[in-house]
Amino acid sequence: MSNALKYILLFVASSSIILNLLLCIKLFSSDVGNNQNKDQSWSRSAAQEAELAASMDCSGHGRAYLDGIIIDGKPVCECNLCYSGPDCSNFSPDCPADANDGDPYYLEEFWKKHAASSAVMVSGWHRMSYSYSFSDQYCQISEELEKHIRKVHEVVGNAITDGKYIICGAGATQLLNAAVHALSSNNPSIFPTRVVATAPYYKVYQTQTEYFESNRYRFEGEASACMNGSDTTTNIIEFVTSPSNPEGQFKRPVLSGPNVKTIYDRAYYWPNFTPIPGPADEDLSIFTISKLTGHAGSRFGWALVKDKEVYERMTEYLNENTVGISKDTQLRMLKILKVVLEDGSKEMFGFAHRIMKNRWERLRDVLAHSDRFSLQQTPAQYCTFTHGVREPTPAYAWLKCEKEEDENCSDVLRSANIIGRKGDLFNADNHYVRLSLIRTEDDFDNLINRLHKMVNTKPRVLDKEKDHARPSASVAIERQSIRFGDVYHAYRSEVISQ
């Protein structure tokens, strides 16, 4: 056989072997790929369900949810107040303006614009254990989530976290009583710890303390009543809300001394609502995601605690109460805080501040035409986060009926089809009523229209694109009068930063 023929046969045999090997590899790869695709089909299916709910047309006056009612295979629109119909397009003109509760829907549009970066895909086997386990250590908070909580405070500059323990709860509400439990006396046989606050104050301080009645503590109302007492041995716990609910003003403790412990409620200490004059550095301060990002339904809050023993007692309370916080919630909060931290947190806080600033301007515009009502004073301050002077934009208006005969301001507003929260729910005079400014745009528009009718003025036309999308501003403002029956003057200089 010639050498040429040998080479030809060798080439044919080698080619056949190579082709068979390639075919086997292809078949194996295809089988593996098909198995991988099957394994990943759960995520595609879950994503399709989420996209379907998000794509539902509710006319801008509602939204559909994955866990909502399903009709014909599609989630049903859940409409804003005063709207109805399959697509929420029917408006009820006689519907009251509800400004009672603090549902923070005002940030909903921000999260819709960040749908991809804020979305979470959770497997059916995600974190099935009660605890996080890292080697031999067990804890109730994700390490990554704790890092991001500390980072948010560092970026915003509203709290010092170095040397502090972080403990999470089901919203700030659970942490409030956990803190009372931790700070109350271990030996209440002589006299239980006295729990106090300064009016107007958040009613939950009283109702929750009384509901979880204990021989270790009891609610005693006004902090000032303890100022001149001769008893220096009974322990006292003082709630201090700063900025305050409902006024939006910075507050300091009324009491001091070796037997006094303070719980700082810092729910509203974010650039959404107030200038940040500097970082808080307290023994025990409480924050909540609901006022930071608007995710009230996730029920997530945290406390910064300096003392190890207090931290351990709060942890013990939470473990006995709920055995920790939902791991699903913590995963979602981690994703949300990552979005907050994008662009140095300027985007989200800028968005929130522009909406709140616009709402306060519209509210002041309408009340400037009436001497029947006044609002709380909110002086401008320098903000270390925005590096400029700005006015507070509180979550609530603390409205006062100035006429002596308007003894119940809530009833006055109800006669105009406006629902607010009356003053005595904050242990204050009923000449006052709280109006929530953080609900949906529909709710706020309805509130403004109802107020306009009360004072017989023409509503200012709102250019939403201009008012909500314009760049952030550093604003220096001097107000000559906060009482709207007087001539209302505002001297404003704005430096617009692109």
Protein backbone atom coordinates (compact mmCIF):
# COMPACT_ATOMS: atom_id res chain seq x y z
CA MET A 1 0.00 0.00 0.00
CA SER A 2 1.36 3.37 -0.95
CA ASN A 3 2.17 5.98 1.68
CA ALA A 4 -0.38 8.32 0.13
CA LEU A 5 -3.22 5.84 0.62
CA LYS A 6 -2.16 5.21 4.22
CA TYR A 7 -2.32 8.94 4.98
CA ILE A 8 -5.76 9.19 3.38
CA LEU A 9 -7.16 6.30 5.46
CA LEU A 10 -5.59 7.73 8.63
CA PHE A 11 -7.15 11.13 7.94
CA VAL A 12 -10.61 9.60 7.34
CA ALA A 13 -10.41 7.54 10.55
CA SER A 14 -9.23 10.50 12.62
CA SER A 15 -11.94 12.75 11.21
CA SER A 16 -14.60 10.17 12.04
CA ILE A 17 -13.39 9.93 15.63
CA ILE A 18 -13.29 13.70 16.03
CA LEU A 19 -16.77 14.12 14.56
CA ASN A 20 -18.16 11.48 16.91
CA LEU A 21 -16.52 13.16 19.89
CA LEU A 22 -17.97 16.55 18.90
CA LEU A 23 -21.39 15.00 18.44
CA CYS A 24 -21.22 13.41 21.90
CA ILE A 25 -20.11 16.70 23.47
CA LYS A 26 -22.94 18.55 21.74
CA LEU A 27 -25.53 16.02 22.86
CA PHE A 28 -24.21 16.13 26.44
CA SER A 29 -24.10 19.93 26.49
CA SER A 30 -27.62 20.13 25.09
CA ASP A 31 -28.87 17.75 27.78
CA VAL A 32 -27.14 19.78 30.51
CA GLY A 33 -28.49 23.01 29.05
CA ASN A 34 -32.01 21.63 28.94
CA ASN A 35 -31.72 20.57 32.58
CA GLN A 36 -30.40 24.00 33.52
CA ASN A 37 -33.24 25.69 31.69
CA LYS A 38 -35.70 23.46 33.49
CA ASP A 39 -34.03 24.35 36.80
CA GLN A 40 -34.30 28.07 36.01
CA SER A 41 -37.89 27.97 34.80
CA TRP A 42 -39.20 28.83 38.28
CA SER A 43 -37.52 32.25 38.14
CA ARG A 44 -38.90 32.99 34.66
CA SER A 45 -42.37 32.02 35.78
CA ALA A 46 -42.11 34.18 38.91
CA ALA A 47 -40.82 37.11 36.87
CA GLN A 48 -43.71 36.80 34.42
CA GLU A 49 -46.23 36.88 37.28
CA ALA A 50 -44.60 40.00 38.73
CA GLU A 51 -44.47 41.70 35.33
CA LEU A 52 -48.15 40.93 34.75
CA ALA A 53 -49.16 42.59 38.01
CA ALA A 54 -46.92 45.59 37.37
CA SER A 55 -48.28 46.05 33.84
CA MET A 56 -51.93 46.30 34.87
CA ASP A 57 -53.48 49.58 33.71
CA CYS A 58 -55.15 51.18 36.72
CA SER A 59 -55.41 54.66 35.13
CA GLY A 60 -52.76 56.07 37.45
CA HIS A 61 -55.21 55.85 40.37
CA GLY A 62 -54.35 52.41 41.73
CA ARG A 63 -52.13 49.40 41.39
CA ALA A 64 -52.32 45.60 41.13
CA TYR A 65 -50.48 43.20 43.42
CA LEU A 66 -49.25 39.64 43.12
CA ASP A 67 -51.18 38.70 46.25
CA GLY A 68 -54.34 40.56 45.23
CA ILE A 69 -57.62 39.16 43.99
CA ILE A 70 -57.28 37.23 40.70
CA ILE A 71 -60.06 37.31 38.07
CA ASP A 72 -59.69 35.54 34.72
CA GLY A 73 -56.06 34.83 35.50
CA LYS A 74 -55.18 38.49 36.09
CA PRO A 75 -54.74 40.48 39.32
CA VAL A 76 -57.43 43.08 39.97
CA CYS A 77 -56.66 46.80 40.35
CA GLU A 78 -56.77 48.08 43.93
CA CYS A 79 -57.90 51.69 43.61
CA ASN A 80 -56.93 54.79 45.54
CA LEU A 81 -59.56 56.31 47.77
CA CYS A 82 -62.32 58.06 45.80
CA TYR A 83 -61.63 55.97 42.68
CA SER A 84 -63.37 52.80 41.53
CA GLY A 85 -64.03 50.61 38.48
CA PRO A 86 -62.03 47.82 36.83
CA ASP A 87 -59.28 50.29 35.89
CA CYS A 88 -59.82 52.82 38.75
CA SER A 89 -61.01 55.47 36.28
CA ASN A 90 -64.27 56.40 38.06
CA PHE A 91 -63.92 59.34 40.44
CA SER A 92 -66.44 59.94 43.24
CA PRO A 93 -66.75 63.73 43.63
CA ASP A 94 -68.41 63.49 47.05
CA CYS A 95 -65.63 61.32 48.48
CA PRO A 96 -63.99 62.80 51.60
CA ALA A 97 -60.34 63.85 51.64
CA ASP A 98 -58.65 61.37 53.97
CA ALA A 99 -55.59 62.90 55.65
CA ASN A 100 -55.81 60.78 58.76
CA ASP A 101 -53.12 58.13 58.63
CA GLY A 102 -49.49 58.12 57.57
CA ASP A 103 -49.45 55.63 54.68
CA PRO A 104 -46.29 56.83 52.86
CA TYR A 105 -47.44 56.34 49.25
CA TYR A 106 -45.76 59.60 48.19
CA LEU A 107 -42.60 57.63 47.23
CA GLU A 108 -44.45 55.08 45.10
CA GLU A 109 -43.47 56.70 41.79
CA PHE A 110 -39.79 56.63 42.73
CA TRP A 111 -39.91 52.88 43.23
CA LYS A 112 -41.80 52.37 39.98
CA LYS A 113 -38.98 54.19 38.19
CA HIS A 114 -36.51 51.84 39.88
CA ALA A 115 -38.50 48.67 39.32
CA ALA A 116 -35.58 46.59 38.06
CA SER A 117 -32.98 47.59 40.66
CA SER A 118 -35.40 47.25 43.60
CA ALA A 119 -37.03 43.95 42.58
CA VAL A 120 -36.34 40.78 44.58
CA MET A 121 -36.64 37.19 43.37
CA VAL A 122 -37.02 34.74 46.27
CA SER A 123 -36.72 30.97 45.94
CA GLY A 124 -39.07 28.65 47.79
CA TRP A 125 -36.19 27.40 49.94
CA HIS A 126 -34.76 30.81 50.85
CA ARG A 127 -33.62 31.06 54.52
CA MET A 128 -35.85 28.36 55.99
CA SER A 129 -34.00 28.42 59.32
CA TYR A 130 -35.02 30.57 62.28
CA SER A 131 -31.55 32.11 62.36
CA TYR A 132 -28.66 33.17 60.17
CA SER A 133 -25.73 30.86 60.76
CA PHE A 134 -22.16 31.92 60.14
CA SER A 135 -19.76 29.24 61.36
CA ASP A 136 -20.73 28.65 64.98
CA GLN A 137 -22.41 32.04 65.42
CA TYR A 138 -26.15 32.57 65.23
CA CYS A 139 -27.84 35.94 64.85
CA GLN A 140 -31.19 37.46 63.88
CA ILE A 141 -29.95 40.10 61.41
CA SER A 142 -28.23 39.69 58.07
CA GLU A 143 -24.62 40.88 58.20
CA GLU A 144 -24.99 42.55 54.81
CA LEU A 145 -28.16 44.33 55.91
CA GLU A 146 -26.44 45.62 59.04
CA LYS A 147 -23.55 46.93 56.93
CA HIS A 148 -25.98 48.78 54.67
CA ILE A 149 -27.90 50.29 57.60
CA ARG A 150 -24.63 51.66 58.97
CA LYS A 151 -23.67 52.92 55.50
CA VAL A 152 -26.96 54.80 55.03
CA HIS A 153 -26.47 56.61 58.34
CA GLU A 154 -22.89 57.42 57.39
CA VAL A 155 -23.86 58.84 53.98
CA VAL A 156 -26.83 60.85 55.29
CA GLY A 157 -24.96 61.93 58.41
CA ASN A 158 -27.98 61.63 60.72
CA ALA A 159 -26.60 59.14 63.27
CA ILE A 160 -23.31 57.81 64.59
CA THR A 161 -23.26 54.01 64.47
CA ASP A 162 -19.67 53.37 65.58
CA GLY A 163 -19.67 51.63 68.94
CA LYS A 164 -23.42 50.90 68.68
CA TYR A 165 -25.27 47.60 68.49
CA ILE A 166 -28.02 47.29 65.89
CA ILE A 167 -31.19 45.39 66.68
CA CYS A 168 -34.09 44.99 64.25
CA GLY A 169 -37.80 44.73 64.94
CA ALA A 170 -41.17 44.55 63.22
CA GLY A 171 -41.26 48.27 62.58
CA ALA A 172 -40.38 50.92 65.13
CA THR A 173 -43.56 50.01 67.02
CA GLN A 174 -42.20 46.71 68.32
CA LEU A 175 -38.88 48.29 69.24
CA LEU A 176 -40.53 51.02 71.31
CA ASN A 177 -41.88 48.55 73.85
CA ALA A 178 -38.73 46.43 73.64
CA ALA A 179 -36.82 49.54 74.70
CA VAL A 180 -39.23 50.25 77.58
CA HIS A 181 -38.81 46.66 78.74
CA ALA A 182 -35.02 46.85 78.53
CA LEU A 183 -34.74 50.18 80.37
CA SER A 184 -37.28 49.47 83.11
CA SER A 185 -36.20 48.49 86.59
CA ASN A 186 -35.22 44.91 87.33
CA ASN A 187 -36.59 45.38 90.83
CA PRO A 188 -40.01 47.04 90.60
CA SER A 189 -41.11 46.00 94.08
CA ILE A 190 -40.80 49.54 95.45
CA PHE A 191 -42.24 51.48 92.50
CA PRO A 192 -42.52 50.68 88.77
CA THR A 193 -40.56 52.70 86.23
CA ARG A 194 -42.47 55.81 85.14
CA VAL A 195 -42.85 56.24 81.37
CA VAL A 196 -43.46 59.81 80.17
CA ALA A 197 -43.47 62.06 77.06
CA THR A 198 -44.11 65.71 76.19
CA ALA A 199 -47.33 66.65 74.37
CA PRO A 200 -48.10 66.60 71.57
CA TYR A 201 -46.75 63.07 71.33
CA TYR A 202 -47.32 59.89 69.34
CA LYS A 203 -50.22 58.12 71.07
CA VAL A 204 -48.63 54.67 70.73
CA TYR A 205 -46.19 55.59 73.52
CA GLN A 206 -49.15 55.53 75.88
CA THR A 207 -51.42 52.88 74.34
CA GLN A 208 -48.68 50.30 73.86
CA THR A 209 -47.19 50.80 77.32
CA GLU A 210 -50.65 50.38 78.84
CA TYR A 211 -51.57 47.44 76.62
CA PHE A 212 -48.50 45.44 77.63
CA GLU A 213 -49.17 46.30 81.26
CA SER A 214 -46.43 45.16 83.58
CA ASN A 215 -45.48 45.60 87.22
CA ARG A 216 -42.13 46.88 85.92
CA TYR A 217 -43.40 50.07 84.28
CA ARG A 218 -46.46 52.27 83.76
CA PHE A 219 -47.31 55.27 81.62
CA GLU A 220 -47.72 58.52 83.57
CA GLY A 221 -48.24 61.13 80.86
CA GLU A 222 -46.48 64.50 80.83
CA ALA A 223 -42.73 64.54 81.39
CA SER A 224 -42.92 68.04 82.91
CA ALA A 225 -44.91 66.65 85.85
CA CYS A 226 -41.75 64.86 87.00
CA MET A 227 -39.49 67.91 86.86
CA ASN A 228 -40.10 69.31 90.35
CA GLY A 229 -40.64 66.05 92.18
CA SER A 230 -38.56 65.26 95.24
CA ASP A 231 -38.31 61.57 94.29
CA THR A 232 -34.86 60.98 92.85
CA THR A 233 -34.84 57.20 93.22
CA THR A 234 -37.73 56.06 91.01
CA ASN A 235 -36.58 55.23 87.48
CA ILE A 236 -38.06 57.32 84.65
CA ILE A 237 -38.14 56.60 80.92
CA GLU A 238 -38.78 59.62 78.67
CA PHE A 239 -39.84 59.30 75.03
CA VAL A 240 -38.39 62.06 72.85
CA THR A 241 -39.55 62.25 69.21
CA SER A 242 -37.20 64.39 67.15
CA PRO A 243 -38.32 65.60 64.67
CA SER A 244 -41.64 65.37 66.47
CA ASN A 245 -44.88 63.77 65.37
CA PRO A 246 -47.06 65.72 64.62
CA GLU A 247 -45.18 69.04 64.57
CA GLY A 248 -41.98 68.12 62.74
CA GLN A 249 -39.85 70.10 65.18
CA PHE A 250 -36.59 69.16 66.87
CA LYS A 251 -37.10 68.23 70.52
CA ARG A 252 -34.83 67.71 73.51
CA PRO A 253 -35.40 65.74 76.70
CA VAL A 254 -37.21 67.58 79.47
CA LEU A 255 -35.74 65.42 82.23
CA SER A 256 -32.22 64.58 83.29
CA GLY A 257 -30.48 62.81 86.12
CA PRO A 258 -29.04 59.43 87.07
CA ASN A 259 -32.50 57.83 87.32
CA VAL A 260 -33.67 59.06 83.88
CA LYS A 261 -33.34 57.03 80.67
CA THR A 262 -34.28 58.42 77.24
CA ILE A 263 -35.69 56.68 74.16
CA TYR A 264 -35.17 58.80 71.04
CA ASP A 265 -37.73 58.17 68.31
CA ARG A 266 -35.88 59.24 65.15
CA ALA A 267 -38.43 57.99 62.61
CA TYR A 268 -38.56 61.35 60.79
CA TYR A 269 -34.88 62.28 60.99
CA TRP A 270 -34.25 61.93 57.25
CA PRO A 271 -33.74 64.52 54.47
CA ASN A 272 -37.25 63.69 53.19
CA PHE A 273 -38.69 65.74 56.06
CA THR A 274 -36.02 67.85 57.72
CA PRO A 275 -32.59 69.44 57.41
CA ILE A 276 -29.88 67.27 58.98
CA PRO A 277 -27.91 69.62 61.27
CA GLY A 278 -25.63 66.82 62.44
CA PRO A 279 -25.43 63.16 63.45
CA ALA A 280 -27.38 62.00 66.48
CA ASP A 281 -25.25 60.22 69.08
CA GLU A 282 -27.57 58.81 71.72
CA ASP A 283 -27.68 55.82 74.04
CA LEU A 284 -30.81 54.46 72.36
CA SER A 285 -32.42 55.73 69.16
CA ILE A 286 -35.04 54.08 66.94
CA PHE A 287 -35.53 54.33 63.16
CA THR A 288 -38.03 52.82 60.73
CA ILE A 289 -37.95 51.92 57.05
CA SER A 290 -41.52 53.20 56.59
CA LYS A 291 -40.48 56.86 56.85
CA LEU A 292 -37.12 56.38 55.14
CA THR A 293 -38.26 54.63 51.94
CA GLY A 294 -42.06 54.39 52.28
CA HIS A 295 -42.16 50.60 52.75
CA ALA A 296 -44.50 50.63 55.74
CA GLY A 297 -46.01 47.26 54.80
CA SER A 298 -42.66 45.50 55.23
CA ARG A 299 -42.76 46.21 58.99
CA PHE A 300 -39.06 46.81 59.54
CA GLY A 301 -37.28 49.08 61.96
CA TRP A 302 -34.00 49.16 63.85
CA ALA A 303 -32.50 50.57 67.02
CA LEU A 304 -29.00 51.88 67.64
CA VAL A 305 -28.04 50.86 71.17
CA LYS A 306 -24.87 51.87 73.00
CA ASP A 307 -25.09 49.74 76.14
CA LYS A 308 -24.52 45.98 75.74
CA GLU A 309 -26.84 45.02 78.60
CA VAL A 310 -29.70 47.09 77.16
CA TYR A 311 -29.06 45.52 73.75
CA GLU A 312 -29.18 42.03 75.23
CA ARG A 313 -32.41 42.73 77.10
CA MET A 314 -34.03 44.12 73.94
CA THR A 315 -32.85 41.05 72.04
CA GLU A 316 -34.32 38.80 74.70
CA TYR A 317 -37.65 40.63 74.43
CA LEU A 318 -37.76 40.25 70.64
CA ASN A 319 -36.77 36.60 70.74
CA GLU A 320 -39.55 35.85 73.21
CA ASN A 321 -41.99 37.98 71.22
CA THR A 322 -41.41 37.00 67.57
CA VAL A 323 -38.21 34.88 67.45
CA GLY A 324 -36.56 37.50 65.27
CA ILE A 325 -37.55 39.27 62.07
CA SER A 326 -38.67 37.74 58.78
CA LYS A 327 -35.70 36.75 56.62
CA ASP A 328 -37.76 37.57 53.51
CA THR A 329 -38.28 41.11 54.82
CA GLN A 330 -34.58 41.51 55.53
CA LEU A 331 -33.69 40.39 51.99
CA ARG A 332 -36.07 42.97 50.54
CA MET A 333 -34.76 45.71 52.84
CA LEU A 334 -31.20 44.94 51.77
CA LYS A 335 -32.20 45.38 48.13
CA ILE A 336 -34.08 48.60 48.90
CA LEU A 337 -31.17 50.13 50.84
CA LYS A 338 -28.81 49.34 47.95
CA VAL A 339 -31.03 51.53 45.75
CA VAL A 340 -31.10 54.26 48.41
CA LEU A 341 -27.30 54.33 48.46
CA GLU A 342 -26.98 54.75 44.68
CA ASP A 343 -25.53 58.11 43.63
CA GLY A 344 -24.63 58.93 47.21
CA SER A 345 -28.35 58.76 48.15
CA LYS A 346 -28.95 62.05 46.35
CA GLU A 347 -31.55 60.70 43.93
CA MET A 348 -34.04 59.23 46.38
CA PHE A 349 -33.78 61.97 48.98
CA GLY A 350 -33.90 64.62 46.26
CA PHE A 351 -37.07 63.04 44.86
CA ALA A 352 -38.67 62.82 48.31
CA HIS A 353 -37.77 66.39 49.26
CA ARG A 354 -39.08 67.86 46.00
CA ILE A 355 -42.47 66.20 46.49
CA MET A 356 -42.74 67.27 50.13
CA LYS A 357 -41.57 70.81 49.34
CA ASN A 358 -44.16 71.09 46.59
CA ARG A 359 -46.94 69.85 48.87
CA TRP A 360 -46.04 72.30 51.60
CA GLU A 361 -45.98 75.19 49.11
CA ARG A 362 -49.45 74.24 47.84
CA LEU A 363 -50.80 73.91 51.38
CA ARG A 364 -49.41 77.29 52.42
CA ASP A 365 -50.78 78.87 49.23
CA VAL A 366 -54.35 77.91 50.07
CA LEU A 367 -54.18 78.73 53.79
CA ALA A 368 -52.63 82.12 53.10
CA HIS A 369 -56.14 83.28 52.15
CA SER A 370 -57.73 82.50 55.51
CA ASP A 371 -57.37 83.82 59.04
CA ARG A 372 -59.25 80.82 60.41
CA PHE A 373 -56.29 78.43 60.32
CA SER A 374 -52.59 78.44 61.15
CA LEU A 375 -49.73 75.97 60.81
CA GLN A 376 -46.74 75.02 62.94
CA GLN A 377 -43.58 77.08 62.61
CA THR A 378 -40.74 75.27 60.88
CA PRO A 379 -37.63 77.49 60.76
CA ALA A 380 -34.99 76.92 58.11
CA GLN A 381 -31.66 75.36 59.11
CA TYR A 382 -28.37 74.40 57.54
CA CYS A 383 -28.40 70.80 56.28
CA THR A 384 -25.10 68.90 56.30
CA PHE A 385 -26.47 66.40 53.76
CA THR A 386 -27.44 68.94 51.08
CA HIS A 387 -24.78 71.48 52.15
CA GLY A 388 -27.25 74.34 52.20
CA VAL A 389 -29.96 76.07 54.20
CA ARG A 390 -33.42 74.59 53.74
CA GLU A 391 -36.80 74.57 55.39
CA PRO A 392 -38.21 71.45 57.04
CA THR A 393 -40.89 69.64 55.02
CA PRO A 394 -42.63 67.62 57.76
CA ALA A 395 -44.72 64.56 57.08
CA TYR A 396 -47.72 66.18 58.77
CA ALA A 397 -49.37 69.56 58.99
CA TRP A 398 -50.28 70.50 62.58
CA LEU A 399 -53.27 72.67 61.74
CA LYS A 400 -54.87 74.96 64.32
CA CYS A 401 -58.38 76.39 64.21
CA GLU A 402 -57.80 79.94 65.46
CA LYS A 403 -61.41 80.82 66.30
CA GLU A 404 -62.27 80.24 69.93
CA GLU A 405 -65.65 78.77 69.01
CA ASP A 406 -63.98 76.10 66.83
CA GLU A 407 -63.35 73.93 69.88
CA ASN A 408 -63.07 70.78 67.82
CA CYS A 409 -61.03 71.51 64.70
CA SER A 410 -61.50 67.95 63.50
CA ASP A 411 -65.27 68.50 63.34
CA VAL A 412 -64.73 71.79 61.49
CA LEU A 413 -62.77 69.97 58.82
CA ARG A 414 -65.22 67.09 58.69
CA SER A 415 -67.95 69.58 57.82
CA ALA A 416 -65.88 70.28 54.70
CA ASN A 417 -65.45 66.55 54.01
CA ILE A 418 -61.87 66.42 55.31
CA ILE A 419 -60.75 63.69 57.69
CA GLY A 420 -57.83 64.52 60.00
CA ARG A 421 -56.55 63.22 63.33
CA LYS A 422 -57.79 65.33 66.22
CA GLY A 423 -55.53 66.92 68.79
CA ASP A 424 -56.49 64.92 71.86
CA LEU A 425 -55.09 61.79 70.19
CA PHE A 426 -51.72 63.47 70.76
CA ASN A 427 -52.67 64.63 74.26
CA ALA A 428 -53.11 68.13 72.86
CA ASP A 429 -55.95 70.65 72.57
CA ASN A 430 -58.69 69.84 70.06
CA HIS A 431 -58.20 73.22 68.42
CA TYR A 432 -55.45 71.28 66.64
CA VAL A 433 -55.72 68.53 64.03
CA ARG A 434 -53.03 66.58 62.22
CA LEU A 435 -53.18 66.31 58.42
CA SER A 436 -51.06 63.67 56.70
CA LEU A 437 -49.13 64.97 53.69
CA ILE A 438 -47.43 61.69 52.70
CA ARG A 439 -50.34 59.77 51.21
CA THR A 440 -51.02 59.35 47.47
CA GLU A 441 -51.05 62.28 45.05
CA ASP A 442 -54.79 61.68 44.64
CA ASP A 443 -55.31 61.99 48.39
CA PHE A 444 -53.29 65.20 48.57
CA ASP A 445 -55.02 66.76 45.55
CA ASN A 446 -58.39 65.99 47.13
CA LEU A 447 -57.25 67.55 50.42
CA ILE A 448 -56.10 70.74 48.69
CA ASN A 449 -59.32 71.02 46.69
CA ARG A 450 -61.43 70.60 49.86
CA LEU A 451 -59.38 73.25 51.67
CA HIS A 452 -59.74 75.62 48.72
CA LYS A 453 -63.50 75.29 48.93
CA MET A 454 -63.37 76.09 52.64
CA VAL A 455 -61.50 79.33 52.09
CA ASN A 456 -63.17 80.10 48.72
CA THR A 457 -60.05 80.39 46.62
CA LYS A 458 -59.12 79.09 43.20
CA PRO A 459 -56.67 76.15 43.27
CA ARG A 460 -53.22 76.74 41.84
CA VAL A 461 -52.72 74.66 38.70
CA LEU A 462 -50.08 72.04 39.37
CA ASP A 463 -47.51 71.36 36.69
CA LYS A 464 -46.49 67.91 37.91
CA GLU A 465 -43.66 67.55 35.41
CA LYS A 466 -42.15 70.85 36.47
CA ASP A 467 -42.79 70.59 40.19
CA HIS A 468 -41.76 66.96 40.64
CA ALA A 469 -38.85 66.70 38.22
CA ARG A 470 -36.99 69.96 38.68
CA PRO A 471 -33.46 69.80 40.13
CA SER A 472 -32.77 69.99 43.83
CA ALA A 473 -32.32 73.39 45.40
CA SER A 474 -30.60 74.91 48.38
CA VAL A 475 -33.15 77.29 49.81
CA ALA A 476 -32.73 80.09 52.33
CA ILE A 477 -36.09 81.37 53.55
CA GLU A 478 -37.25 83.94 56.05
CA ARG A 479 -40.93 83.93 56.85
CA GLN A 480 -42.34 87.08 58.40
CA SER A 481 -45.56 85.41 59.48
CA ILE A 482 -46.73 81.88 60.06
CA ARG A 483 -50.26 82.95 60.86
CA PHE A 484 -52.05 83.05 57.56
CA GLY A 485 -54.62 85.73 58.39
CA ASP A 486 -51.81 88.29 58.49
CA VAL A 487 -50.10 89.58 55.40
CA TYR A 488 -47.93 86.67 54.30
CA HIS A 489 -44.42 87.54 53.18
CA ALA A 490 -41.70 85.21 52.06
CA TYR A 491 -38.26 86.30 51.02
CA ARG A 492 -36.65 83.49 49.09
CA SER A 493 -33.30 83.06 47.45
CA GLU A 494 -32.66 79.83 45.63
CA VAL A 495 -29.44 78.46 44.30
CA ILE A 496 -30.31 75.76 41.81
CA SER A 497 -27.67 73.06 41.66
CA GLN A 498 -27.73 70.99 38.49
